[in-house]
Amino acid sequence: MSVKLVVTDLDGCLLKKDSSLPGNFNEAFDLMEKRGVVFAAGSGRSIDGAAAPFGEYAKKMAFVTDNGARVFHCGEILDETLISYEDYAPILKEAERYDDVFPVACGLNDAWVSQSREVSDEIAKELIKYYPTWRSCDLHKIPEPVIKIALLHFDDIEKNIYPFFKPYDNDRLRVQVTAYVWIDVYAAGLSKGVGVKALQESLGISPEETVVFGDYLNDIPMAEHAGASYAVSNTHPKLKEFFTDIIGSNDEESVTKKIIEILK
C-alpha cells in the first residue's frame, strides 16, 4: 500500500509505560519525513499533553486531540468542537456524588480542576501525563469554552464507574471509556475516527493511504478510516476484531518497529 498518513494512539500504544518515546522513534520519524508521510498522534489528551513527549518534533506533526474534538497540523487548528455548560453540568453534578471520581474540565487553553477538591500526589502523577499544567476554579463557572470533561477513577473505571455515567450518553454528549482509569465526555458525533477523517480531508489523503495504531476502545473508530490498522498486544480485548493485525506491546517499541517495516 502507498502510505501518506500514520496515526497512533499514545498511552499504552506508542509510548512506553514510563510515558517516554520508543528508543527508535527518531529513526521512524526521519523515515516518514523522507518518504513524505504525515505523522499524527491521536489521543484523548489535550494538545499540550499530546505534544509534550515529542519536543521539537511536535512542530512537524499532526494531532487529533481530545478524542477528535480538536485537529491540528503543524501548529494550525484545522477543526474543533465545544460542549456547552448546559450539556456538561449534569456530568459534573453526577461526579460530585462520588468522592473517588475526580473531574477535569479541558478548556481551549487550560485544564481546570475543582477548587474544592484536593489534588493528591496520586492524582497529580496521573494528571501530569495528560495535562502538564492545570488551574483551579468552580467547575460550574469555568472562565473559557470547554472541549471535554474527563473523569478520573483509579479502580477499573469501565466496571465500577461507567455504568453511572452511561445514561448521560445521548444525542448531545458522548461518554467514552478511554483508559483503565479515565472516562472522557465530549460532543456527540465526535471520535478519533472523525478527527482522522477531518485530517485526511484537509491534507487530501485517502483512508487507503492511512495506517493507524491503537490499544483502547476509543481507538476503534480510527480503524474505520484506515487501509491498515494495528493493535498492540496489550490492547483491550475488543479491539482485536476491529483491527487488521496484532503486533507486540508498547514496551517492545512495536509501533515504531512496524512503521519502519512498512516504509522500508
C-alpha atoms as a PDB file:
ATOM      1  CA  MET A   1       0.000   0.000   0.000  1.00  0.00           C
ATOM      2  CA  SER A   2       1.029   3.621  -0.554  1.00  0.00           C
ATOM      3  CA  VAL A   3       1.250   5.259   2.873  1.00  0.00           C
ATOM      4  CA  LYS A   4       0.809   9.014   3.277  1.00  0.00           C
ATOM      5  CA  LEU A   5      -0.531   9.255   6.844  1.00  0.00           C
ATOM      6  CA  VAL A   6       0.381   7.367  10.031  1.00  0.00           C
ATOM      7  CA  VAL A   7      -1.765   7.936  13.123  1.00  0.00           C
ATOM      8  CA  THR A   8      -1.030   6.400  16.502  1.00  0.00           C
ATOM      9  CA  ASP A   9      -2.549   6.495  19.940  1.00  0.00           C
ATOM     10  CA  LEU A  10      -0.093   7.493  22.669  1.00  0.00           C
ATOM     11  CA  ASP A  11      -0.618   5.950  26.109  1.00  0.00           C
ATOM     12  CA  GLY A  12      -0.301   2.194  26.114  1.00  0.00           C
ATOM     13  CA  CYS A  13       0.458   2.234  22.381  1.00  0.00           C
ATOM     14  CA  LEU A  14       3.321   4.378  21.064  1.00  0.00           C
ATOM     15  CA  LEU A  15       4.568   5.482  24.487  1.00  0.00           C
ATOM     16  CA  LYS A  16       6.218   3.101  26.918  1.00  0.00           C
ATOM     17  CA  LYS A  17       4.964   2.550  30.467  1.00  0.00           C
ATOM     18  CA  ASP A  18       7.010   5.491  31.727  1.00  0.00           C
ATOM     19  CA  SER A  19       5.361   7.715  29.056  1.00  0.00           C
ATOM     20  CA  SER A  20       8.607   8.033  27.107  1.00  0.00           C
ATOM     21  CA  LEU A  21       9.052   7.674  23.355  1.00  0.00           C
ATOM     22  CA  PRO A  22      10.488   4.433  21.934  1.00  0.00           C
ATOM     23  CA  GLY A  23      14.244   4.441  21.531  1.00  0.00           C
ATOM     24  CA  ASN A  24      13.904   4.117  17.749  1.00  0.00           C
ATOM     25  CA  PHE A  25      11.407   6.973  17.344  1.00  0.00           C
ATOM     26  CA  ASN A  26      13.974   9.219  15.661  1.00  0.00           C
ATOM     27  CA  GLU A  27      14.627   6.574  13.015  1.00  0.00           C
ATOM     28  CA  ALA A  28      10.910   6.094  12.358  1.00  0.00           C
ATOM     29  CA  PHE A  29      10.170   9.820  12.197  1.00  0.00           C
ATOM     30  CA  ASP A  30      13.105  10.550   9.906  1.00  0.00           C
ATOM     31  CA  LEU A  31      11.980   7.758   7.590  1.00  0.00           C
ATOM     32  CA  MET A  32       8.417   9.136   7.483  1.00  0.00           C
ATOM     33  CA  GLU A  33       9.728  12.615   6.763  1.00  0.00           C
ATOM     34  CA  LYS A  34      11.960  11.280   3.979  1.00  0.00           C
ATOM     35  CA  ARG A  35       9.001   9.421   2.416  1.00  0.00           C
ATOM     36  CA  GLY A  36       6.674  12.448   2.685  1.00  0.00           C
ATOM     37  CA  VAL A  37       4.438  10.697   5.229  1.00  0.00           C
ATOM     38  CA  VAL A  38       2.474  12.825   7.710  1.00  0.00           C
ATOM     39  CA  PHE A  39       2.793  11.566  11.286  1.00  0.00           C
ATOM     40  CA  ALA A  40      -0.086  12.194  13.677  1.00  0.00           C
ATOM     41  CA  ALA A  41      -0.815  11.455  17.321  1.00  0.00           C
ATOM     42  CA  GLY A  42      -4.440  10.559  18.017  1.00  0.00           C
ATOM     43  CA  SER A  43      -5.116  10.949  21.720  1.00  0.00           C
ATOM     44  CA  GLY A  44      -7.627  11.649  24.445  1.00  0.00           C
ATOM     45  CA  ARG A  45      -5.068  14.099  25.804  1.00  0.00           C
ATOM     46  CA  SER A  46      -5.430  17.811  25.211  1.00  0.00           C
ATOM     47  CA  ILE A  47      -2.914  19.396  22.866  1.00  0.00           C
ATOM     48  CA  ASP A  48      -0.301  20.362  25.480  1.00  0.00           C
ATOM     49  CA  GLY A  49      -0.259  16.857  26.908  1.00  0.00           C
ATOM     50  CA  ALA A  50      -0.244  15.208  23.493  1.00  0.00           C
ATOM     51  CA  ALA A  51       2.621  17.369  22.209  1.00  0.00           C
ATOM     52  CA  ALA A  52       4.771  17.123  25.349  1.00  0.00           C
ATOM     53  CA  PRO A  53       6.524  13.779  24.638  1.00  0.00           C
ATOM     54  CA  PHE A  54       7.614  14.895  21.149  1.00  0.00           C
ATOM     55  CA  GLY A  55       9.558  18.072  21.866  1.00  0.00           C
ATOM     56  CA  GLU A  56      10.614  19.802  18.642  1.00  0.00           C
ATOM     57  CA  TYR A  57       9.051  17.039  16.545  1.00  0.00           C
ATOM     58  CA  ALA A  58       5.610  18.367  17.543  1.00  0.00           C
ATOM     59  CA  LYS A  59       6.062  21.342  15.213  1.00  0.00           C
ATOM     60  CA  LYS A  60       6.212  18.980  12.214  1.00  0.00           C
ATOM     61  CA  MET A  61       3.336  16.707  13.289  1.00  0.00           C
ATOM     62  CA  ALA A  62      -0.420  16.497  13.178  1.00  0.00           C
ATOM     63  CA  PHE A  63      -2.573  15.911  16.259  1.00  0.00           C
ATOM     64  CA  VAL A  64      -6.080  14.597  16.785  1.00  0.00           C
ATOM     65  CA  THR A  65      -6.659  15.516  20.431  1.00  0.00           C
ATOM     66  CA  ASP A  66      -9.456  15.299  22.987  1.00  0.00           C
ATOM     67  CA  ASN A  67     -10.791  12.199  21.202  1.00  0.00           C
ATOM     68  CA  GLY A  68     -11.415  14.053  17.975  1.00  0.00           C
ATOM     69  CA  ALA A  69     -12.653  17.364  19.368  1.00  0.00           C
ATOM     70  CA  ARG A  70      -9.584  19.201  18.041  1.00  0.00           C
ATOM     71  CA  VAL A  71      -7.399  18.599  14.985  1.00  0.00           C
ATOM     72  CA  PHE A  72      -4.020  20.276  14.375  1.00  0.00           C
ATOM     73  CA  HIS A  73      -1.398  20.173  11.644  1.00  0.00           C
ATOM     74  CA  CYS A  74       1.997  21.830  12.095  1.00  0.00           C
ATOM     75  CA  GLY A  75       0.545  24.076  14.803  1.00  0.00           C
ATOM     76  CA  GLU A  76      -2.526  25.142  12.800  1.00  0.00           C
ATOM     77  CA  ILE A  77      -6.008  24.313  14.132  1.00  0.00           C
ATOM     78  CA  LEU A  78      -7.973  22.552  11.410  1.00  0.00           C
ATOM     79  CA  ASP A  79     -11.105  21.699  13.401  1.00  0.00           C
ATOM     80  CA  GLU A  80     -12.553  21.987  16.908  1.00  0.00           C
ATOM     81  CA  THR A  81     -15.889  21.311  18.611  1.00  0.00           C
ATOM     82  CA  LEU A  82     -17.004  22.651  22.009  1.00  0.00           C
ATOM     83  CA  ILE A  83     -19.560  21.460  24.548  1.00  0.00           C
ATOM     84  CA  SER A  84     -21.920  23.792  26.411  1.00  0.00           C
ATOM     85  CA  TYR A  85     -22.340  24.143  30.159  1.00  0.00           C
ATOM     86  CA  GLU A  86     -25.975  23.174  29.763  1.00  0.00           C
ATOM     87  CA  ASP A  87     -24.829  19.826  28.403  1.00  0.00           C
ATOM     88  CA  TYR A  88     -21.915  19.037  30.732  1.00  0.00           C
ATOM     89  CA  ALA A  89     -23.390  20.369  34.016  1.00  0.00           C
ATOM     90  CA  PRO A  90     -25.217  17.056  34.709  1.00  0.00           C
ATOM     91  CA  ILE A  91     -21.893  15.214  34.340  1.00  0.00           C
ATOM     92  CA  LEU A  92     -20.288  17.465  36.962  1.00  0.00           C
ATOM     93  CA  LYS A  93     -23.234  17.049  39.323  1.00  0.00           C
ATOM     94  CA  GLU A  94     -23.099  13.264  38.950  1.00  0.00           C
ATOM     95  CA  ALA A  95     -19.330  13.279  39.590  1.00  0.00           C
ATOM     96  CA  GLU A  96     -19.869  15.286  42.772  1.00  0.00           C
ATOM     97  CA  ARG A  97     -21.731  12.303  44.220  1.00  0.00           C
ATOM     98  CA  TYR A  98     -18.547  10.200  44.352  1.00  0.00           C
ATOM     99  CA  ASP A  99     -15.524  11.027  46.480  1.00  0.00           C
ATOM    100  CA  ASP A 100     -13.311   8.773  44.340  1.00  0.00           C
ATOM    101  CA  VAL A 101     -14.215  10.356  40.973  1.00  0.00           C
ATOM    102  CA  PHE A 102     -12.042  13.339  40.083  1.00  0.00           C
ATOM    103  CA  PRO A 103     -13.358  15.583  37.255  1.00  0.00           C
ATOM    104  CA  VAL A 104     -11.146  17.644  34.948  1.00  0.00           C
ATOM    105  CA  ALA A 105     -12.538  20.247  32.546  1.00  0.00           C
ATOM    106  CA  CYS A 106     -10.487  20.746  29.392  1.00  0.00           C
ATOM    107  CA  GLY A 107     -10.770  24.271  28.060  1.00  0.00           C
ATOM    108  CA  LEU A 108      -9.362  25.776  24.903  1.00  0.00           C
ATOM    109  CA  ASN A 109      -6.263  26.940  26.762  1.00  0.00           C
ATOM    110  CA  ASP A 110      -6.113  25.240  30.177  1.00  0.00           C
ATOM    111  CA  ALA A 111      -7.157  22.184  32.141  1.00  0.00           C
ATOM    112  CA  TRP A 112      -9.328  23.009  35.162  1.00  0.00           C
ATOM    113  CA  VAL A 113      -9.884  21.149  38.426  1.00  0.00           C
ATOM    114  CA  SER A 114     -12.310  21.933  41.216  1.00  0.00           C
ATOM    115  CA  GLN A 115     -11.105  24.484  43.743  1.00  0.00           C
ATOM    116  CA  SER A 116     -12.890  22.467  46.429  1.00  0.00           C
ATOM    117  CA  ARG A 117     -11.023  19.210  45.733  1.00  0.00           C
ATOM    118  CA  GLU A 118      -7.541  18.339  46.938  1.00  0.00           C
ATOM    119  CA  VAL A 119      -5.114  17.183  44.248  1.00  0.00           C
ATOM    120  CA  SER A 120      -3.338  14.290  45.949  1.00  0.00           C
ATOM    121  CA  ASP A 121       0.104  13.101  44.868  1.00  0.00           C
ATOM    122  CA  GLU A 122      -1.520  10.094  43.187  1.00  0.00           C
ATOM    123  CA  ILE A 123      -3.923  12.295  41.236  1.00  0.00           C
ATOM    124  CA  ALA A 124      -1.190  14.783  40.312  1.00  0.00           C
ATOM    125  CA  LYS A 125       1.035  11.972  38.995  1.00  0.00           C
ATOM    126  CA  GLU A 126      -1.762  10.812  36.672  1.00  0.00           C
ATOM    127  CA  LEU A 127      -2.888  14.294  35.657  1.00  0.00           C
ATOM    128  CA  ILE A 128       0.536  15.492  34.593  1.00  0.00           C
ATOM    129  CA  LYS A 129       0.781  12.796  31.916  1.00  0.00           C
ATOM    130  CA  TYR A 130      -2.272  14.169  30.137  1.00  0.00           C
ATOM    131  CA  TYR A 131      -2.447  17.789  31.273  1.00  0.00           C
ATOM    132  CA  PRO A 132       1.055  19.147  32.058  1.00  0.00           C
ATOM    133  CA  THR A 133      -0.426  22.110  33.930  1.00  0.00           C
ATOM    134  CA  TRP A 134      -3.834  22.819  35.425  1.00  0.00           C
ATOM    135  CA  ARG A 135      -5.676  25.579  37.228  1.00  0.00           C
ATOM    136  CA  SER A 136      -8.388  25.606  39.901  1.00  0.00           C
ATOM    137  CA  CYS A 137     -11.848  27.158  39.751  1.00  0.00           C
ATOM    138  CA  ASP A 138     -15.510  26.491  40.414  1.00  0.00           C
ATOM    139  CA  LEU A 139     -16.141  23.949  37.661  1.00  0.00           C
ATOM    140  CA  HIS A 140     -19.636  25.373  37.265  1.00  0.00           C
ATOM    141  CA  LYS A 141     -18.062  28.700  36.323  1.00  0.00           C
ATOM    142  CA  ILE A 142     -15.144  27.787  34.050  1.00  0.00           C
ATOM    143  CA  PRO A 143     -13.774  31.042  32.562  1.00  0.00           C
ATOM    144  CA  GLU A 144     -13.298  29.746  28.999  1.00  0.00           C
ATOM    145  CA  PRO A 145     -15.013  27.495  26.423  1.00  0.00           C
ATOM    146  CA  VAL A 146     -14.826  23.784  27.205  1.00  0.00           C
ATOM    147  CA  ILE A 147     -13.759  20.972  24.856  1.00  0.00           C
ATOM    148  CA  LYS A 148     -14.436  17.992  27.106  1.00  0.00           C
ATOM    149  CA  ILE A 149     -14.855  16.748  30.675  1.00  0.00           C
ATOM    150  CA  ALA A 150     -12.520  13.972  31.833  1.00  0.00           C
ATOM    151  CA  LEU A 151     -13.275  11.749  34.832  1.00  0.00           C
ATOM    152  CA  LEU A 152     -10.515  10.002  36.780  1.00  0.00           C
ATOM    153  CA  HIS A 153     -11.056   6.921  38.954  1.00  0.00           C
ATOM    154  CA  PHE A 154      -8.249   4.546  39.882  1.00  0.00           C
ATOM    155  CA  ASP A 155     -10.055   1.194  40.112  1.00  0.00           C
ATOM    156  CA  ASP A 156     -11.372  -0.138  36.766  1.00  0.00           C
ATOM    157  CA  ILE A 157     -13.462   2.840  35.723  1.00  0.00           C
ATOM    158  CA  GLU A 158     -15.205   0.832  32.989  1.00  0.00           C
ATOM    159  CA  LYS A 159     -16.634  -1.645  35.511  1.00  0.00           C
ATOM    160  CA  ASN A 160     -17.122   0.479  38.621  1.00  0.00           C
ATOM    161  CA  ILE A 161     -17.989   3.997  37.422  1.00  0.00           C
ATOM    162  CA  TYR A 162     -19.044   3.966  33.761  1.00  0.00           C
ATOM    163  CA  PRO A 163     -22.499   2.430  34.484  1.00  0.00           C
ATOM    164  CA  PHE A 164     -23.431   5.535  36.491  1.00  0.00           C
ATOM    165  CA  PHE A 165     -22.475   7.882  33.650  1.00  0.00           C
ATOM    166  CA  LYS A 166     -23.659   5.797  30.694  1.00  0.00           C
ATOM    167  CA  PRO A 167     -27.218   7.285  30.917  1.00  0.00           C
ATOM    168  CA  TYR A 168     -25.702  10.688  30.015  1.00  0.00           C
ATOM    169  CA  ASP A 169     -24.515   9.339  26.653  1.00  0.00           C
ATOM    170  CA  ASN A 170     -27.115  10.904  24.369  1.00  0.00           C
ATOM    171  CA  ASP A 171     -27.630  12.891  21.174  1.00  0.00           C
ATOM    172  CA  ARG A 172     -25.598  15.787  22.599  1.00  0.00           C
ATOM    173  CA  LEU A 173     -22.796  14.113  24.575  1.00  0.00           C
ATOM    174  CA  ARG A 174     -20.563  11.088  24.087  1.00  0.00           C
ATOM    175  CA  VAL A 175     -19.481   9.289  27.279  1.00  0.00           C
ATOM    176  CA  GLN A 176     -16.485   7.109  26.420  1.00  0.00           C
ATOM    177  CA  VAL A 177     -14.165   4.895  28.483  1.00  0.00           C
ATOM    178  CA  THR A 178     -10.724   5.845  27.198  1.00  0.00           C
ATOM    179  CA  ALA A 179      -8.384   4.034  29.605  1.00  0.00           C
ATOM    180  CA  TYR A 180      -8.408   1.840  32.698  1.00  0.00           C
ATOM    181  CA  VAL A 181      -8.744   4.961  34.875  1.00  0.00           C
ATOM    182  CA  TRP A 182     -10.343   7.532  32.515  1.00  0.00           C
ATOM    183  CA  ILE A 183     -13.728   8.418  31.044  1.00  0.00           C
ATOM    184  CA  ASP A 184     -13.972  11.301  28.558  1.00  0.00           C
ATOM    185  CA  VAL A 185     -17.143  13.268  27.847  1.00  0.00           C
ATOM    186  CA  TYR A 186     -17.284  15.279  24.633  1.00  0.00           C
ATOM    187  CA  ALA A 187     -19.679  16.320  21.876  1.00  0.00           C
ATOM    188  CA  ALA A 188     -21.835  13.564  20.395  1.00  0.00           C
ATOM    189  CA  GLY A 189     -20.807  12.503  16.930  1.00  0.00           C
ATOM    190  CA  LEU A 190     -17.119  13.007  17.638  1.00  0.00           C
ATOM    191  CA  SER A 191     -14.462  10.308  17.822  1.00  0.00           C
ATOM    192  CA  LYS A 192     -10.816   9.861  16.981  1.00  0.00           C
ATOM    193  CA  GLY A 193     -12.064   8.469  13.690  1.00  0.00           C
ATOM    194  CA  VAL A 194     -13.944  11.688  12.906  1.00  0.00           C
ATOM    195  CA  GLY A 195     -10.763  13.606  13.725  1.00  0.00           C
ATOM    196  CA  VAL A 196      -8.708  11.378  11.425  1.00  0.00           C
ATOM    197  CA  LYS A 197     -11.262  11.917   8.650  1.00  0.00           C
ATOM    198  CA  ALA A 198     -11.061  15.711   9.107  1.00  0.00           C
ATOM    199  CA  LEU A 199      -7.270  15.481   8.883  1.00  0.00           C
ATOM    200  CA  GLN A 200      -7.436  13.308   5.770  1.00  0.00           C
ATOM    201  CA  GLU A 201      -9.830  15.692   4.036  1.00  0.00           C
ATOM    202  CA  SER A 202      -7.690  18.700   4.891  1.00  0.00           C
ATOM    203  CA  LEU A 203      -4.494  17.069   3.600  1.00  0.00           C
ATOM    204  CA  GLY A 204      -6.027  15.286   0.613  1.00  0.00           C
ATOM    205  CA  ILE A 205      -5.173  11.813   1.917  1.00  0.00           C
ATOM    206  CA  SER A 206      -7.450   8.806   1.487  1.00  0.00           C
ATOM    207  CA  PRO A 207      -8.242   6.120   4.080  1.00  0.00           C
ATOM    208  CA  GLU A 208      -6.431   3.610   1.849  1.00  0.00           C
ATOM    209  CA  GLU A 209      -3.262   5.690   2.282  1.00  0.00           C
ATOM    210  CA  THR A 210      -3.610   5.735   6.082  1.00  0.00           C
ATOM    211  CA  VAL A 211      -2.180   3.414   8.746  1.00  0.00           C
ATOM    212  CA  VAL A 212      -3.367   3.595  12.368  1.00  0.00           C
ATOM    213  CA  PHE A 213      -2.247   2.093  15.678  1.00  0.00           C
ATOM    214  CA  GLY A 214      -4.331   1.753  18.835  1.00  0.00           C
ATOM    215  CA  ASP A 215      -4.853  -0.022  22.130  1.00  0.00           C
ATOM    216  CA  TYR A 216      -8.180   1.036  23.649  1.00  0.00           C
ATOM    217  CA  LEU A 217     -11.900   1.383  22.923  1.00  0.00           C
ATOM    218  CA  ASN A 218     -11.684   4.994  21.738  1.00  0.00           C
ATOM    219  CA  ASP A 219      -9.211   3.890  19.045  1.00  0.00           C
ATOM    220  CA  ILE A 220     -11.711   1.645  17.235  1.00  0.00           C
ATOM    221  CA  PRO A 221     -13.163   4.487  15.098  1.00  0.00           C
ATOM    222  CA  MET A 222      -9.672   5.230  13.748  1.00  0.00           C
ATOM    223  CA  ALA A 223      -9.525   1.747  12.220  1.00  0.00           C
ATOM    224  CA  GLU A 224     -12.669   2.559  10.230  1.00  0.00           C
ATOM    225  CA  HIS A 225     -10.736   5.288   8.387  1.00  0.00           C
ATOM    226  CA  ALA A 226      -7.568   3.346   7.571  1.00  0.00           C
ATOM    227  CA  GLY A 227      -6.320   0.934   4.956  1.00  0.00           C
ATOM    228  CA  ALA A 228      -4.364  -0.937   7.625  1.00  0.00           C
ATOM    229  CA  SER A 229      -4.721  -0.905  11.405  1.00  0.00           C
ATOM    230  CA  TYR A 230      -2.581  -2.456  14.126  1.00  0.00           C
ATOM    231  CA  ALA A 231      -3.410  -3.036  17.779  1.00  0.00           C
ATOM    232  CA  VAL A 232      -0.605  -3.585  20.274  1.00  0.00           C
ATOM    233  CA  SER A 233      -0.648  -6.883  22.157  1.00  0.00           C
ATOM    234  CA  ASN A 234      -1.534  -5.148  25.436  1.00  0.00           C
ATOM    235  CA  THR A 235      -4.765  -3.932  23.841  1.00  0.00           C
ATOM    236  CA  HIS A 236      -8.315  -4.022  25.174  1.00  0.00           C
ATOM    237  CA  PRO A 237      -9.724  -7.411  24.019  1.00  0.00           C
ATOM    238  CA  LYS A 238     -12.498  -5.821  21.962  1.00  0.00           C
ATOM    239  CA  LEU A 239     -10.004  -4.192  19.577  1.00  0.00           C
ATOM    240  CA  LYS A 240      -8.860  -7.482  18.130  1.00  0.00           C
ATOM    241  CA  GLU A 241     -11.986  -7.880  15.990  1.00  0.00           C
ATOM    242  CA  PHE A 242     -11.725  -4.368  14.516  1.00  0.00           C
ATOM    243  CA  PHE A 243      -8.024  -4.037  13.677  1.00  0.00           C
ATOM    244  CA  THR A 244      -6.153  -5.601  10.765  1.00  0.00           C
ATOM    245  CA  ASP A 245      -3.484  -7.245  12.891  1.00  0.00           C
ATOM    246  CA  ILE A 246      -1.996  -7.512  16.381  1.00  0.00           C
ATOM    247  CA  ILE A 247       1.637  -6.510  16.937  1.00  0.00           C
ATOM    248  CA  GLY A 248       3.871  -6.589  20.026  1.00  0.00           C
ATOM    249  CA  SER A 249       3.417  -4.458  23.121  1.00  0.00           C
ATOM    250  CA  ASN A 250       4.147  -0.780  23.634  1.00  0.00           C
ATOM    251  CA  ASP A 251       7.176  -1.602  25.795  1.00  0.00           C
ATOM    252  CA  GLU A 252       8.618  -3.611  22.883  1.00  0.00           C
ATOM    253  CA  GLU A 253       8.576  -0.449  20.719  1.00  0.00           C
ATOM    254  CA  SER A 254       6.243  -2.302  18.380  1.00  0.00           C
ATOM    255  CA  VAL A 255       4.565   0.736  16.799  1.00  0.00           C
ATOM    256  CA  THR A 256       7.790   2.311  15.569  1.00  0.00           C
ATOM    257  CA  LYS A 257       9.159  -1.077  14.506  1.00  0.00           C
ATOM    258  CA  LYS A 258       6.049  -1.648  12.374  1.00  0.00           C
ATOM    259  CA  ILE A 259       6.268   1.877  10.872  1.00  0.00           C
ATOM    260  CA  ILE A 260       9.877   1.248   9.866  1.00  0.00           C
ATOM    261  CA  GLU A 261       8.970  -2.182   8.463  1.00  0.00           C
ATOM    262  CA  ILE A 262       6.094  -0.779   6.373  1.00  0.00           C
ATOM    263  CA  LEU A 263       8.060   2.148   4.947  1.00  0.00           C
ATOM    264  CA  LYS A 264      11.165   0.125   4.177  1.00  0.00           C
END
